[in-house]
């Protein structure tokens, strides 16, 4: 499975990769800004997106909206600002930073199950 990690902090992105590998993800792509995420998603097959809400530069929610406008991809938002998502994406699956393996695993399991339901 392929995960697309949208995260402007390099070390956090690498940590997310390390946490996703035991969950069955074998390939990864990364983007550090909104524009890079939209361009990088292209036509590649993506099984999961993890996205930080605040990117420098840009906005992770807008990036996800653009990437997913013509296709459904499960998304887990990774953020230190979960309150911001209540108005913008009230049904979003969110993992609060600092990310713990158990929380990420549960969130990924939930979005993948809802994708297959």
PDB file of N, CA and C in Angstrom:
ATOM      1  N   UNK A   1       0.851  -1.186   0.000  1.00  0.00           N
ATOM      2  CA  UNK A   1       0.000   0.000   0.000  1.00  0.00           C
ATOM      3  C   UNK A   1       0.886   1.235   0.000  1.00  0.00           C
ATOM      4  N   UNK A   2       0.342   2.307  -0.557  1.00  0.00           N
ATOM      5  CA  UNK A   2       1.110   3.547  -0.706  1.00  0.00           C
ATOM      6  C   UNK A   2       0.509   4.662   0.156  1.00  0.00           C
ATOM      7  N   UNK A   3       1.356   5.309   0.944  1.00  0.00           N
ATOM      8  CA  UNK A   3       0.935   6.438   1.780  1.00  0.00           C
ATOM      9  C   UNK A   3       1.577   7.716   1.262  1.00  0.00           C
ATOM     10  N   UNK A   4       0.782   8.774   1.203  1.00  0.00           N
ATOM     11  CA  UNK A   4       1.255  10.098   0.815  1.00  0.00           C
ATOM     12  C   UNK A   4       1.257  10.942   2.082  1.00  0.00           C
ATOM     13  N   UNK A   5       2.433  11.361   2.520  1.00  0.00           N
ATOM     14  CA  UNK A   5       2.604  12.088   3.775  1.00  0.00           C
ATOM     15  C   UNK A   5       2.832  13.563   3.464  1.00  0.00           C
ATOM     16  N   UNK A   6       1.889  14.393   3.902  1.00  0.00           N
ATOM     17  CA  UNK A   6       1.990  15.838   3.701  1.00  0.00           C
ATOM     18  C   UNK A   6       2.354  16.439   5.056  1.00  0.00           C
ATOM     19  N   UNK A   7       3.607  16.840   5.182  1.00  0.00           N
ATOM     20  CA  UNK A   7       4.144  17.303   6.470  1.00  0.00           C
ATOM     21  C   UNK A   7       5.351  18.185   6.200  1.00  0.00           C
ATOM     22  N   UNK A   8       5.351  19.391   6.781  1.00  0.00           N
ATOM     23  CA  UNK A   8       6.457  20.311   6.521  1.00  0.00           C
ATOM     24  C   UNK A   8       7.668  20.079   7.416  1.00  0.00           C
ATOM     25  N   UNK A   9       7.524  19.301   8.461  1.00  0.00           N
ATOM     26  CA  UNK A   9       8.645  18.978   9.350  1.00  0.00           C
ATOM     27  C   UNK A   9       9.239  17.633   8.925  1.00  0.00           C
ATOM     28  N   UNK A  10      10.456  17.662   8.415  1.00  0.00           N
ATOM     29  CA  UNK A  10      11.097  16.464   7.875  1.00  0.00           C
ATOM     30  C   UNK A  10      11.087  15.296   8.864  1.00  0.00           C
ATOM     31  N   UNK A  11      11.505  15.541  10.094  1.00  0.00           N
ATOM     32  CA  UNK A  11      11.614  14.453  11.071  1.00  0.00           C
ATOM     33  C   UNK A  11      10.254  13.861  11.418  1.00  0.00           C
ATOM     34  N   UNK A  12       9.222  14.689  11.470  1.00  0.00           N
ATOM     35  CA  UNK A  12       7.874  14.168  11.738  1.00  0.00           C
ATOM     36  C   UNK A  12       7.421  13.304  10.564  1.00  0.00           C
ATOM     37  N   UNK A  13       7.690  13.747   9.351  1.00  0.00           N
ATOM     38  CA  UNK A  13       7.350  12.949   8.174  1.00  0.00           C
ATOM     39  C   UNK A  13       8.019  11.580   8.205  1.00  0.00           C
ATOM     40  N   UNK A  14       9.283  11.539   8.562  1.00  0.00           N
ATOM     41  CA  UNK A  14      10.009  10.270   8.640  1.00  0.00           C
ATOM     42  C   UNK A  14       9.458   9.391   9.765  1.00  0.00           C
ATOM     43  N   UNK A  15       9.094  10.013  10.872  1.00  0.00           N
ATOM     44  CA  UNK A  15       8.504   9.276  11.985  1.00  0.00           C
ATOM     45  C   UNK A  15       7.159   8.664  11.582  1.00  0.00           C
ATOM     46  N   UNK A  16       6.352   9.424  10.845  1.00  0.00           N
ATOM     47  CA  UNK A  16       5.070   8.893  10.362  1.00  0.00           C
ATOM     48  C   UNK A  16       5.307   7.690   9.445  1.00  0.00           C
ATOM     49  N   UNK A  17       6.286   7.791   8.570  1.00  0.00           N
ATOM     50  CA  UNK A  17       6.631   6.657   7.702  1.00  0.00           C
ATOM     51  C   UNK A  17       6.969   5.434   8.549  1.00  0.00           C
ATOM     52  N   UNK A  18       7.799   5.638   9.559  1.00  0.00           N
ATOM     53  CA  UNK A  18       8.198   4.523  10.425  1.00  0.00           C
ATOM     54  C   UNK A  18       7.002   3.910  11.150  1.00  0.00           C
ATOM     55  N   UNK A  19       6.013   4.723  11.497  1.00  0.00           N
ATOM     56  CA  UNK A  19       4.822   4.217  12.181  1.00  0.00           C
ATOM     57  C   UNK A  19       3.844   3.544  11.220  1.00  0.00           C
ATOM     58  N   UNK A  20       3.870   3.939   9.956  1.00  0.00           N
ATOM     59  CA  UNK A  20       2.956   3.361   8.967  1.00  0.00           C
ATOM     60  C   UNK A  20       3.468   2.036   8.410  1.00  0.00           C
ATOM     61  N   UNK A  21       4.759   1.825   8.404  1.00  0.00           N
ATOM     62  CA  UNK A  21       5.318   0.580   7.858  1.00  0.00           C
ATOM     63  C   UNK A  21       4.742  -0.665   8.540  1.00  0.00           C
ATOM     64  N   UNK A  22       4.656  -0.712   9.884  1.00  0.00           N
ATOM     65  CA  UNK A  22       4.089  -1.917  10.506  1.00  0.00           C
ATOM     66  C   UNK A  22       2.595  -2.103  10.214  1.00  0.00           C
ATOM     67  N   UNK A  23       1.955  -1.063   9.674  1.00  0.00           N
ATOM     68  CA  UNK A  23       0.527  -1.145   9.347  1.00  0.00           C
ATOM     69  C   UNK A  23       0.305  -1.636   7.918  1.00  0.00           C
ATOM     70  N   UNK A  24       1.396  -1.988   7.230  1.00  0.00           N
ATOM     71  CA  UNK A  24       1.276  -2.564   5.900  1.00  0.00           C
ATOM     72  C   UNK A  24       1.604  -1.629   4.752  1.00  0.00           C
ATOM     73  N   UNK A  25       2.028  -0.422   5.045  1.00  0.00           N
ATOM     74  CA  UNK A  25       2.399   0.510   3.981  1.00  0.00           C
ATOM     75  C   UNK A  25       3.850   0.242   3.587  1.00  0.00           C
ATOM     76  N   UNK A  26       4.051   0.104   2.283  1.00  0.00           N
ATOM     77  CA  UNK A  26       5.378  -0.284   1.795  1.00  0.00           C
ATOM     78  C   UNK A  26       6.035   0.773   0.923  1.00  0.00           C
ATOM     79  N   UNK A  27       5.244   1.689   0.393  1.00  0.00           N
ATOM     80  CA  UNK A  27       5.801   2.774  -0.412  1.00  0.00           C
ATOM     81  C   UNK A  27       5.246   4.096   0.087  1.00  0.00           C
ATOM     82  N   UNK A  28       6.051   5.138  -0.085  1.00  0.00           N
ATOM     83  CA  UNK A  28       5.711   6.442   0.474  1.00  0.00           C
ATOM     84  C   UNK A  28       6.110   7.549  -0.485  1.00  0.00           C
ATOM     85  N   UNK A  29       5.342   8.617  -0.465  1.00  0.00           N
ATOM     86  CA  UNK A  29       5.773   9.855  -1.096  1.00  0.00           C
ATOM     87  C   UNK A  29       5.501  10.965  -0.088  1.00  0.00           C
ATOM     88  N   UNK A  30       6.240  12.050  -0.253  1.00  0.00           N
ATOM     89  CA  UNK A  30       6.204  13.126   0.729  1.00  0.00           C
ATOM     90  C   UNK A  30       6.026  14.469   0.036  1.00  0.00           C
ATOM     91  N   UNK A  31       5.358  15.378   0.738  1.00  0.00           N
ATOM     92  CA  UNK A  31       5.264  16.767   0.284  1.00  0.00           C
ATOM     93  C   UNK A  31       5.352  17.644   1.519  1.00  0.00           C
ATOM     94  N   UNK A  32       6.028  18.797   1.361  1.00  0.00           N
ATOM     95  CA  UNK A  32       6.237  19.680   2.505  1.00  0.00           C
ATOM     96  C   UNK A  32       5.439  20.971   2.412  1.00  0.00           C
ATOM     97  N   UNK A  33       4.713  21.194   1.304  1.00  0.00           N
ATOM     98  CA  UNK A  33       3.902  22.401   1.163  1.00  0.00           C
ATOM     99  C   UNK A  33       2.596  22.043   0.456  1.00  0.00           C
ATOM    100  N   UNK A  34       1.649  22.967   0.491  1.00  0.00           N
ATOM    101  CA  UNK A  34       0.367  22.755  -0.175  1.00  0.00           C
ATOM    102  C   UNK A  34       0.565  22.526  -1.675  1.00  0.00           C
ATOM    103  N   UNK A  35       1.313  23.402  -2.324  1.00  0.00           N
ATOM    104  CA  UNK A  35       1.528  23.287  -3.765  1.00  0.00           C
ATOM    105  C   UNK A  35       2.242  21.983  -4.121  1.00  0.00           C
ATOM    106  N   UNK A  36       3.256  21.632  -3.358  1.00  0.00           N
ATOM    107  CA  UNK A  36       3.995  20.398  -3.633  1.00  0.00           C
ATOM    108  C   UNK A  36       3.089  19.177  -3.457  1.00  0.00           C
ATOM    109  N   UNK A  37       2.186  19.230  -2.490  1.00  0.00           N
ATOM    110  CA  UNK A  37       1.267  18.116  -2.265  1.00  0.00           C
ATOM    111  C   UNK A  37       0.328  17.936  -3.449  1.00  0.00           C
ATOM    112  N   UNK A  38      -0.260  19.033  -3.907  1.00  0.00           N
ATOM    113  CA  UNK A  38      -1.203  18.951  -5.025  1.00  0.00           C
ATOM    114  C   UNK A  38      -0.494  18.465  -6.281  1.00  0.00           C
ATOM    115  N   UNK A  39       0.664  19.021  -6.559  1.00  0.00           N
ATOM    116  CA  UNK A  39       1.419  18.606  -7.742  1.00  0.00           C
ATOM    117  C   UNK A  39       1.940  17.173  -7.591  1.00  0.00           C
ATOM    118  N   UNK A  40       2.407  16.833  -6.414  1.00  0.00           N
ATOM    119  CA  UNK A  40       3.001  15.524  -6.182  1.00  0.00           C
ATOM    120  C   UNK A  40       2.003  14.382  -6.207  1.00  0.00           C
ATOM    121  N   UNK A  41       0.756  14.654  -5.836  1.00  0.00           N
ATOM    122  CA  UNK A  41      -0.254  13.600  -5.831  1.00  0.00           C
ATOM    123  C   UNK A  41      -0.524  13.115  -7.241  1.00  0.00           C
ATOM    124  N   UNK A  42      -0.576  14.051  -8.181  1.00  0.00           N
ATOM    125  CA  UNK A  42      -0.752  13.703  -9.589  1.00  0.00           C
ATOM    126  C   UNK A  42      -1.728  12.571  -9.795  1.00  0.00           C
ATOM    127  N   UNK A  43      -1.357  11.660 -10.636  1.00  0.00           N
ATOM    128  CA  UNK A  43      -2.212  10.521 -10.953  1.00  0.00           C
ATOM    129  C   UNK A  43      -1.758   9.254 -10.229  1.00  0.00           C
ATOM    130  N   UNK A  44      -0.841   9.386  -9.278  1.00  0.00           N
ATOM    131  CA  UNK A  44      -0.350   8.194  -8.597  1.00  0.00           C
ATOM    132  C   UNK A  44      -1.455   7.553  -7.757  1.00  0.00           C
ATOM    133  N   UNK A  45      -1.345   6.263  -7.575  1.00  0.00           N
ATOM    134  CA  UNK A  45      -2.286   5.541  -6.722  1.00  0.00           C
ATOM    135  C   UNK A  45      -1.887   5.770  -5.274  1.00  0.00           C
ATOM    136  N   UNK A  46      -2.830   6.280  -4.490  1.00  0.00           N
ATOM    137  CA  UNK A  46      -2.578   6.592  -3.079  1.00  0.00           C
ATOM    138  C   UNK A  46      -3.620   5.851  -2.252  1.00  0.00           C
ATOM    139  N   UNK A  47      -3.166   5.071  -1.282  1.00  0.00           N
ATOM    140  CA  UNK A  47      -4.077   4.320  -0.422  1.00  0.00           C
ATOM    141  C   UNK A  47      -4.418   5.062   0.860  1.00  0.00           C
ATOM    142  N   UNK A  48      -3.580   6.044   1.233  1.00  0.00           N
ATOM    143  CA  UNK A  48      -3.796   6.819   2.454  1.00  0.00           C
ATOM    144  C   UNK A  48      -3.052   8.134   2.339  1.00  0.00           C
ATOM    145  N   UNK A  49      -3.688   9.196   2.822  1.00  0.00           N
ATOM    146  CA  UNK A  49      -3.009  10.484   2.967  1.00  0.00           C
ATOM    147  C   UNK A  49      -2.952  10.804   4.448  1.00  0.00           C
ATOM    148  N   UNK A  50      -1.780  11.184   4.938  1.00  0.00           N
ATOM    149  CA  UNK A  50      -1.682  11.830   6.238  1.00  0.00           C
ATOM    150  C   UNK A  50      -1.293  13.265   5.942  1.00  0.00           C
ATOM    151  N   UNK A  51      -1.971  14.203   6.602  1.00  0.00           N
ATOM    152  CA  UNK A  51      -1.716  15.613   6.281  1.00  0.00           C
ATOM    153  C   UNK A  51      -1.700  16.458   7.539  1.00  0.00           C
ATOM    154  N   UNK A  52      -0.645  17.226   7.670  1.00  0.00           N
ATOM    155  CA  UNK A  52      -0.594  18.264   8.693  1.00  0.00           C
ATOM    156  C   UNK A  52      -1.563  19.361   8.263  1.00  0.00           C
ATOM    157  N   UNK A  53      -2.172  20.045   9.210  1.00  0.00           N
ATOM    158  CA  UNK A  53      -3.120  21.113   8.882  1.00  0.00           C
ATOM    159  C   UNK A  53      -2.379  22.377   8.480  1.00  0.00           C
ATOM    160  N   UNK A  54      -1.409  22.766   9.280  1.00  0.00           N
ATOM    161  CA  UNK A  54      -0.642  23.981   8.999  1.00  0.00           C
ATOM    162  C   UNK A  54       0.674  23.618   8.334  1.00  0.00           C
ATOM    163  N   UNK A  55       0.836  24.101   7.114  1.00  0.00           N
ATOM    164  CA  UNK A  55       2.070  23.865   6.371  1.00  0.00           C
ATOM    165  C   UNK A  55       2.753  25.194   6.119  1.00  0.00           C
ATOM    166  N   UNK A  56       4.070  25.146   6.026  1.00  0.00           N
ATOM    167  CA  UNK A  56       4.827  26.352   5.692  1.00  0.00           C
ATOM    168  C   UNK A  56       5.527  26.113   4.375  1.00  0.00           C
ATOM    169  N   UNK A  57       5.035  26.565   3.274  1.00  0.00           N
ATOM    170  CA  UNK A  57       3.837  27.391   3.116  1.00  0.00           C
ATOM    171  C   UNK A  57       2.606  26.549   2.788  1.00  0.00           C
ATOM    172  N   UNK A  58       1.456  27.124   3.121  1.00  0.00           N
ATOM    173  CA  UNK A  58       0.202  26.533   2.696  1.00  0.00           C
ATOM    174  C   UNK A  58      -0.647  25.942   3.794  1.00  0.00           C
ATOM    175  N   UNK A  59      -1.603  25.153   3.341  1.00  0.00           N
ATOM    176  CA  UNK A  59      -2.649  24.627   4.206  1.00  0.00           C
ATOM    177  C   UNK A  59      -2.927  23.178   3.813  1.00  0.00           C
ATOM    178  N   UNK A  60      -2.816  22.286   4.767  1.00  0.00           N
ATOM    179  CA  UNK A  60      -3.028  20.871   4.493  1.00  0.00           C
ATOM    180  C   UNK A  60      -4.456  20.524   4.139  1.00  0.00           C
ATOM    181  N   UNK A  61      -5.428  21.213   4.735  1.00  0.00           N
ATOM    182  CA  UNK A  61      -6.834  20.933   4.433  1.00  0.00           C
ATOM    183  C   UNK A  61      -7.122  21.278   2.970  1.00  0.00           C
ATOM    184  N   UNK A  62      -6.658  22.436   2.526  1.00  0.00           N
ATOM    185  CA  UNK A  62      -6.865  22.811   1.119  1.00  0.00           C
ATOM    186  C   UNK A  62      -6.177  21.837   0.176  1.00  0.00           C
ATOM    187  N   UNK A  63      -4.977  21.407   0.536  1.00  0.00           N
ATOM    188  CA  UNK A  63      -4.263  20.438  -0.302  1.00  0.00           C
ATOM    189  C   UNK A  63      -5.076  19.153  -0.435  1.00  0.00           C
ATOM    190  N   UNK A  64      -5.586  18.638   0.675  1.00  0.00           N
ATOM    191  CA  UNK A  64      -6.373  17.402   0.654  1.00  0.00           C
ATOM    192  C   UNK A  64      -7.647  17.602  -0.171  1.00  0.00           C
ATOM    193  N   UNK A  65      -8.307  18.740  -0.008  1.00  0.00           N
ATOM    194  CA  UNK A  65      -9.528  19.006  -0.777  1.00  0.00           C
ATOM    195  C   UNK A  65      -9.236  18.964  -2.275  1.00  0.00           C
ATOM    196  N   UNK A  66      -8.132  19.558  -2.687  1.00  0.00           N
ATOM    197  CA  UNK A  66      -7.792  19.565  -4.110  1.00  0.00           C
ATOM    198  C   UNK A  66      -7.420  18.168  -4.609  1.00  0.00           C
ATOM    199  N   UNK A  67      -6.645  17.444  -3.826  1.00  0.00           N
ATOM    200  CA  UNK A  67      -6.229  16.098  -4.228  1.00  0.00           C
ATOM    201  C   UNK A  67      -7.430  15.160  -4.330  1.00  0.00           C
ATOM    202  N   UNK A  68      -8.373  15.308  -3.418  1.00  0.00           N
ATOM    203  CA  UNK A  68      -9.498  14.375  -3.330  1.00  0.00           C
ATOM    204  C   UNK A  68     -10.751  14.839  -4.076  1.00  0.00           C
ATOM    205  N   UNK A  69     -10.679  15.927  -4.815  1.00  0.00           N
ATOM    206  CA  UNK A  69     -11.894  16.420  -5.450  1.00  0.00           C
ATOM    207  C   UNK A  69     -12.429  15.457  -6.510  1.00  0.00           C
ATOM    208  N   UNK A  70     -11.568  14.683  -7.170  1.00  0.00           N
ATOM    209  CA  UNK A  70     -12.031  13.749  -8.197  1.00  0.00           C
ATOM    210  C   UNK A  70     -11.859  12.284  -7.811  1.00  0.00           C
ATOM    211  N   UNK A  71     -11.396  12.024  -6.607  1.00  0.00           N
ATOM    212  CA  UNK A  71     -11.208  10.645  -6.162  1.00  0.00           C
ATOM    213  C   UNK A  71     -11.301  10.589  -4.651  1.00  0.00           C
ATOM    214  N   UNK A  72     -11.707   9.445  -4.162  1.00  0.00           N
ATOM    215  CA  UNK A  72     -11.831   9.271  -2.706  1.00  0.00           C
ATOM    216  C   UNK A  72     -10.592   8.557  -2.188  1.00  0.00           C
ATOM    217  N   UNK A  73      -9.889   9.232  -1.297  1.00  0.00           N
ATOM    218  CA  UNK A  73      -8.701   8.665  -0.672  1.00  0.00           C
ATOM    219  C   UNK A  73      -8.876   8.833   0.841  1.00  0.00           C
ATOM    220  N   UNK A  74      -8.674   7.792   1.629  1.00  0.00           N
ATOM    221  CA  UNK A  74      -8.757   7.934   3.082  1.00  0.00           C
ATOM    222  C   UNK A  74      -7.701   8.928   3.585  1.00  0.00           C
ATOM    223  N   UNK A  75      -8.100   9.772   4.548  1.00  0.00           N
ATOM    224  CA  UNK A  75      -7.229  10.828   5.059  1.00  0.00           C
ATOM    225  C   UNK A  75      -7.218  10.811   6.574  1.00  0.00           C
ATOM    226  N   UNK A  76      -6.031  10.952   7.135  1.00  0.00           N
ATOM    227  CA  UNK A  76      -5.859  11.186   8.568  1.00  0.00           C
ATOM    228  C   UNK A  76      -5.095  12.495   8.701  1.00  0.00           C
ATOM    229  N   UNK A  77      -5.700  13.453   9.398  1.00  0.00           N
ATOM    230  CA  UNK A  77      -5.010  14.715   9.647  1.00  0.00           C
ATOM    231  C   UNK A  77      -4.151  14.565  10.893  1.00  0.00           C
ATOM    232  N   UNK A  78      -2.927  15.036  10.810  1.00  0.00           N
ATOM    233  CA  UNK A  78      -1.964  14.992  11.904  1.00  0.00           C
ATOM    234  C   UNK A  78      -1.686  16.448  12.267  1.00  0.00           C
ATOM    235  N   UNK A  79      -2.069  16.855  13.484  1.00  0.00           N
ATOM    236  CA  UNK A  79      -1.950  18.281  13.785  1.00  0.00           C
ATOM    237  C   UNK A  79      -1.828  18.561  15.274  1.00  0.00           C
ATOM    238  N   UNK A  80      -1.267  19.688  15.565  1.00  0.00           N
ATOM    239  CA  UNK A  80      -1.265  20.215  16.923  1.00  0.00           C
ATOM    240  C   UNK A  80      -2.416  21.185  17.123  1.00  0.00           C
ATOM    241  N   UNK A  81      -3.240  21.356  16.079  1.00  0.00           N
ATOM    242  CA  UNK A  81      -4.328  22.343  16.094  1.00  0.00           C
ATOM    243  C   UNK A  81      -5.651  21.689  15.725  1.00  0.00           C
ATOM    244  N   UNK A  82      -6.030  20.658  16.448  1.00  0.00           N
ATOM    245  CA  UNK A  82      -7.246  19.907  16.141  1.00  0.00           C
ATOM    246  C   UNK A  82      -8.493  20.786  16.191  1.00  0.00           C
ATOM    247  N   UNK A  83      -8.500  21.802  17.036  1.00  0.00           N
ATOM    248  CA  UNK A  83      -9.675  22.672  17.148  1.00  0.00           C
ATOM    249  C   UNK A  83      -9.996  23.358  15.830  1.00  0.00           C
ATOM    250  N   UNK A  84      -8.978  23.656  15.027  1.00  0.00           N
ATOM    251  CA  UNK A  84      -9.197  24.311  13.739  1.00  0.00           C
ATOM    252  C   UNK A  84     -10.029  23.456  12.793  1.00  0.00           C
ATOM    253  N   UNK A  85      -9.962  22.161  12.947  1.00  0.00           N
ATOM    254  CA  UNK A  85     -10.654  21.271  12.021  1.00  0.00           C
ATOM    255  C   UNK A  85     -12.138  21.135  12.326  1.00  0.00           C
ATOM    256  N   UNK A  86     -12.573  21.484  13.524  1.00  0.00           N
ATOM    257  CA  UNK A  86     -13.983  21.323  13.872  1.00  0.00           C
ATOM    258  C   UNK A  86     -14.893  22.100  12.935  1.00  0.00           C
ATOM    259  N   UNK A  87     -14.494  23.293  12.536  1.00  0.00           N
ATOM    260  CA  UNK A  87     -15.296  24.088  11.620  1.00  0.00           C
ATOM    261  C   UNK A  87     -15.014  23.743  10.167  1.00  0.00           C
ATOM    262  N   UNK A  88     -13.787  23.486   9.837  1.00  0.00           N
ATOM    263  CA  UNK A  88     -13.382  23.289   8.437  1.00  0.00           C
ATOM    264  C   UNK A  88     -13.636  21.880   7.930  1.00  0.00           C
ATOM    265  N   UNK A  89     -13.463  20.905   8.762  1.00  0.00           N
ATOM    266  CA  UNK A  89     -13.634  19.502   8.359  1.00  0.00           C
ATOM    267  C   UNK A  89     -14.181  18.722   9.555  1.00  0.00           C
ATOM    268  N   UNK A  90     -15.466  18.937   9.871  1.00  0.00           N
ATOM    269  CA  UNK A  90     -16.024  18.380  11.110  1.00  0.00           C
ATOM    270  C   UNK A  90     -15.993  16.852  11.197  1.00  0.00           C
ATOM    271  N   UNK A  91     -15.948  16.156  10.070  1.00  0.00           N
ATOM    272  CA  UNK A  91     -15.935  14.692  10.088  1.00  0.00           C
ATOM    273  C   UNK A  91     -14.541  14.104   9.902  1.00  0.00           C
ATOM    274  N   UNK A  92     -13.542  14.960   9.965  1.00  0.00           N
ATOM    275  CA  UNK A  92     -12.165  14.513   9.733  1.00  0.00           C
ATOM    276  C   UNK A  92     -11.689  13.586  10.850  1.00  0.00           C
ATOM    277  N   UNK A  93     -10.854  12.642  10.459  1.00  0.00           N
ATOM    278  CA  UNK A  93     -10.161  11.793  11.427  1.00  0.00           C
ATOM    279  C   UNK A  93      -8.862  12.506  11.757  1.00  0.00           C
ATOM    280  N   UNK A  94      -8.654  12.746  13.061  1.00  0.00           N
ATOM    281  CA  UNK A  94      -7.541  13.582  13.495  1.00  0.00           C
ATOM    282  C   UNK A  94      -6.705  12.841  14.536  1.00  0.00           C
ATOM    283  N   UNK A  95      -5.391  12.952  14.381  1.00  0.00           N
ATOM    284  CA  UNK A  95      -4.453  12.494  15.405  1.00  0.00           C
ATOM    285  C   UNK A  95      -3.688  13.724  15.867  1.00  0.00           C
ATOM    286  N   UNK A  96      -3.718  13.939  17.150  1.00  0.00           N
ATOM    287  CA  UNK A  96      -3.078  15.111  17.752  1.00  0.00           C
ATOM    288  C   UNK A  96      -1.575  14.876  17.884  1.00  0.00           C
ATOM    289  N   UNK A  97      -0.791  15.893  17.562  1.00  0.00           N
ATOM    290  CA  UNK A  97       0.657  15.839  17.800  1.00  0.00           C
ATOM    291  C   UNK A  97       0.914  16.072  19.276  1.00  0.00           C
ATOM    292  N   UNK A  98       1.906  15.473  19.865  1.00  0.00           N
ATOM    293  CA  UNK A  98       2.828  14.500  19.288  1.00  0.00           C
ATOM    294  C   UNK A  98       2.113  13.168  19.019  1.00  0.00           C
ATOM    295  N   UNK A  99       2.436  12.564  17.900  1.00  0.00           N
ATOM    296  CA  UNK A  99       1.761  11.359  17.425  1.00  0.00           C
ATOM    297  C   UNK A  99       2.269  10.139  18.177  1.00  0.00           C
ATOM    298  N   UNK A 100       1.333   9.330  18.616  1.00  0.00           N
ATOM    299  CA  UNK A 100       1.658   8.053  19.259  1.00  0.00           C
ATOM    300  C   UNK A 100       1.249   6.924  18.312  1.00  0.00           C
ATOM    301  N   UNK A 101       2.050   5.883  18.243  1.00  0.00           N
ATOM    302  CA  UNK A 101       1.817   4.752  17.338  1.00  0.00           C
ATOM    303  C   UNK A 101       0.395   4.202  17.472  1.00  0.00           C
ATOM    304  N   UNK A 102      -0.071   4.018  18.700  1.00  0.00           N
ATOM    305  CA  UNK A 102      -1.389   3.414  18.915  1.00  0.00           C
ATOM    306  C   UNK A 102      -2.500   4.297  18.352  1.00  0.00           C
ATOM    307  N   UNK A 103      -2.388   5.609  18.544  1.00  0.00           N
ATOM    308  CA  UNK A 103      -3.402   6.527  18.040  1.00  0.00           C
ATOM    309  C   UNK A 103      -3.411   6.536  16.517  1.00  0.00           C
ATOM    310  N   UNK A 104      -2.234   6.561  15.908  1.00  0.00           N
ATOM    311  CA  UNK A 104      -2.158   6.560  14.454  1.00  0.00           C
ATOM    312  C   UNK A 104      -2.714   5.250  13.901  1.00  0.00           C
ATOM    313  N   UNK A 105      -2.358   4.128  14.501  1.00  0.00           N
ATOM    314  CA  UNK A 105      -2.850   2.832  14.038  1.00  0.00           C
ATOM    315  C   UNK A 105      -4.374   2.769  14.105  1.00  0.00           C
ATOM    316  N   UNK A 106      -4.951   3.253  15.187  1.00  0.00           N
ATOM    317  CA  UNK A 106      -6.413   3.248  15.326  1.00  0.00           C
ATOM    318  C   UNK A 106      -7.064   4.142  14.277  1.00  0.00           C
ATOM    319  N   UNK A 107      -6.507   5.326  14.054  1.00  0.00           N
ATOM    320  CA  UNK A 107      -7.072   6.259  13.080  1.00  0.00           C
ATOM    321  C   UNK A 107      -6.981   5.685  11.666  1.00  0.00           C
ATOM    322  N   UNK A 108      -5.834   5.123  11.310  1.00  0.00           N
ATOM    323  CA  UNK A 108      -5.658   4.532   9.985  1.00  0.00           C
ATOM    324  C   UNK A 108      -6.637   3.370   9.808  1.00  0.00           C
ATOM    325  N   UNK A 109      -6.756   2.530  10.820  1.00  0.00           N
ATOM    326  CA  UNK A 109      -7.711   1.417  10.750  1.00  0.00           C
ATOM    327  C   UNK A 109      -9.128   1.911  10.518  1.00  0.00           C
ATOM    328  N   UNK A 110      -9.512   2.986  11.198  1.00  0.00           N
ATOM    329  CA  UNK A 110     -10.862   3.528  11.046  1.00  0.00           C
ATOM    330  C   UNK A 110     -11.112   4.045   9.630  1.00  0.00           C
ATOM    331  N   UNK A 111     -10.174   4.817   9.075  1.00  0.00           N
ATOM    332  CA  UNK A 111     -10.405   5.375   7.744  1.00  0.00           C
ATOM    333  C   UNK A 111     -10.355   4.297   6.663  1.00  0.00           C
ATOM    334  N   UNK A 112      -9.511   3.297   6.836  1.00  0.00           N
ATOM    335  CA  UNK A 112      -9.459   2.215   5.843  1.00  0.00           C
ATOM    336  C   UNK A 112     -10.711   1.358   5.903  1.00  0.00           C
ATOM    337  N   UNK A 113     -11.236   1.102   7.103  1.00  0.00           N
ATOM    338  CA  UNK A 113     -12.481   0.343   7.231  1.00  0.00           C
ATOM    339  C   UNK A 113     -13.648   1.099   6.614  1.00  0.00           C
ATOM    340  N   UNK A 114     -13.725   2.414   6.852  1.00  0.00           N
ATOM    341  CA  UNK A 114     -14.828   3.185   6.296  1.00  0.00           C
ATOM    342  C   UNK A 114     -14.718   3.270   4.776  1.00  0.00           C
ATOM    343  N   UNK A 115     -13.511   3.223   4.235  1.00  0.00           N
ATOM    344  CA  UNK A 115     -13.300   3.217   2.789  1.00  0.00           C
ATOM    345  C   UNK A 115     -13.862   1.937   2.180  1.00  0.00           C
ATOM    346  N   UNK A 116     -13.689   0.831   2.885  1.00  0.00           N
ATOM    347  CA  UNK A 116     -14.107  -0.461   2.361  1.00  0.00           C
ATOM    348  C   UNK A 116     -15.551  -0.817   2.707  1.00  0.00           C
ATOM    349  N   UNK A 117     -16.196   0.008   3.499  1.00  0.00           N
ATOM    350  CA  UNK A 117     -17.595  -0.290   3.912  1.00  0.00           C
ATOM    351  C   UNK A 117     -18.574   0.056   2.823  1.00  0.00           C
TER     352      UNK A 117
END
